């Protein structure tokens, strides 16, 4: 029996898995905007950056210029790769 129809569906699979709906995200942003004045948050971030707070500086850079690309070497453990010579042999089928 093919059970793919149950993978990730709202009726089966992991309930609540995945990203929340965009509507929920918008509601949360609206709630935060009602209780937090964005100018005061920016001024506080400015204070922390001026004091040399690393996390504040990092946050500023990530939002201003974007998070740097991450790269992971999962194959070579940092060693250089040497090209290998491939030899083809003729078979009776050729």
Protein backbone atom coordinates (compact mmCIF):
# COMPACT_ATOMS: atom_id res chain seq x y z
CA UNK A 1 0.00 0.00 0.00
CA UNK A 2 1.32 3.44 -0.95
CA UNK A 3 1.50 5.60 2.18
CA UNK A 4 3.02 8.69 0.54
CA UNK A 5 -0.31 10.49 0.78
CA UNK A 6 0.20 10.68 4.57
CA UNK A 7 3.68 12.20 4.45
CA UNK A 8 3.61 15.73 5.86
CA UNK A 9 -0.12 16.17 5.44
CA UNK A 10 -2.29 17.95 7.96
CA UNK A 11 -4.16 14.71 8.63
CA UNK A 12 -1.07 12.58 9.21
CA UNK A 13 2.67 12.92 9.56
CA UNK A 14 4.20 15.23 12.16
CA UNK A 15 1.56 17.60 13.43
CA UNK A 16 2.82 21.17 13.54
CA UNK A 17 5.97 20.37 11.57
CA UNK A 18 7.31 22.89 9.09
CA UNK A 19 7.19 26.65 8.87
CA UNK A 20 4.24 28.44 10.49
CA UNK A 21 1.74 30.06 8.12
CA UNK A 22 2.60 33.56 6.85
CA UNK A 23 -0.59 34.89 8.47
CA UNK A 24 0.69 33.82 11.92
CA UNK A 25 4.00 35.55 11.25
CA UNK A 26 2.23 38.78 10.26
CA UNK A 27 0.06 38.65 13.42
CA UNK A 28 3.17 38.26 15.59
CA UNK A 29 4.89 41.20 13.89
CA UNK A 30 1.79 43.36 14.42
CA UNK A 31 1.65 42.41 18.12
CA UNK A 32 5.33 43.23 18.57
CA UNK A 33 4.91 46.57 16.78
CA UNK A 34 2.08 47.44 19.18
CA UNK A 35 4.21 46.96 22.30
CA UNK A 36 7.75 47.82 21.12
CA UNK A 37 8.76 51.13 19.59
CA UNK A 38 11.18 50.29 16.78
CA UNK A 39 13.11 53.58 17.14
CA UNK A 40 13.93 52.77 20.76
CA UNK A 41 15.23 49.33 19.75
CA UNK A 42 17.45 50.88 17.07
CA UNK A 43 18.77 53.44 19.58
CA UNK A 44 19.56 50.63 22.05
CA UNK A 45 21.36 48.69 19.33
CA UNK A 46 23.36 51.84 18.55
CA UNK A 47 24.35 52.15 22.21
CA UNK A 48 25.51 48.53 22.36
CA UNK A 49 27.47 48.83 19.10
CA UNK A 50 29.12 52.01 20.42
CA UNK A 51 30.17 50.12 23.56
CA UNK A 52 31.78 47.43 21.39
CA UNK A 53 29.28 44.67 22.19
CA UNK A 54 30.28 41.90 19.76
CA UNK A 55 26.79 40.36 19.48
CA UNK A 56 25.27 43.78 18.71
CA UNK A 57 27.92 44.45 16.07
CA UNK A 58 27.38 41.00 14.58
CA UNK A 59 23.61 41.53 14.49
CA UNK A 60 24.02 44.91 12.81
CA UNK A 61 26.35 43.54 10.14
CA UNK A 62 24.12 40.55 9.40
CA UNK A 63 21.05 42.71 8.88
CA UNK A 64 22.89 45.52 7.08
CA UNK A 65 25.00 43.49 4.66
CA UNK A 66 23.68 39.95 5.04
CA UNK A 67 25.08 36.88 6.68
CA UNK A 68 28.32 35.64 5.11
CA UNK A 69 28.13 32.49 3.05
CA UNK A 70 29.05 29.38 5.01
CA UNK A 71 31.12 26.66 3.44
CA UNK A 72 31.73 23.21 4.81
CA UNK A 73 34.36 20.76 3.57
CA UNK A 74 32.73 17.36 3.98
CA UNK A 75 34.93 15.33 1.67
CA UNK A 76 38.62 16.20 1.92
CA UNK A 77 39.28 17.16 5.55
CA UNK A 78 41.14 20.18 4.20
CA UNK A 79 43.49 18.15 1.98
CA UNK A 80 43.89 19.10 -1.67
CA UNK A 81 42.33 16.88 -4.29
CA UNK A 82 44.56 15.32 -6.91
CA UNK A 83 42.97 14.43 -10.25
CA UNK A 84 42.96 10.74 -11.04
CA UNK A 85 43.68 9.27 -14.42
CA UNK A 86 40.81 7.20 -15.76
CA UNK A 87 41.69 4.32 -18.05
CA UNK A 88 39.10 2.87 -20.41
CA UNK A 89 39.43 -0.71 -21.64
CA UNK A 90 37.90 -1.95 -24.82
CA UNK A 91 35.52 -4.85 -24.34
CA UNK A 92 34.12 -7.34 -26.83
CA UNK A 93 30.82 -5.45 -26.75
CA UNK A 94 32.37 -2.24 -28.21
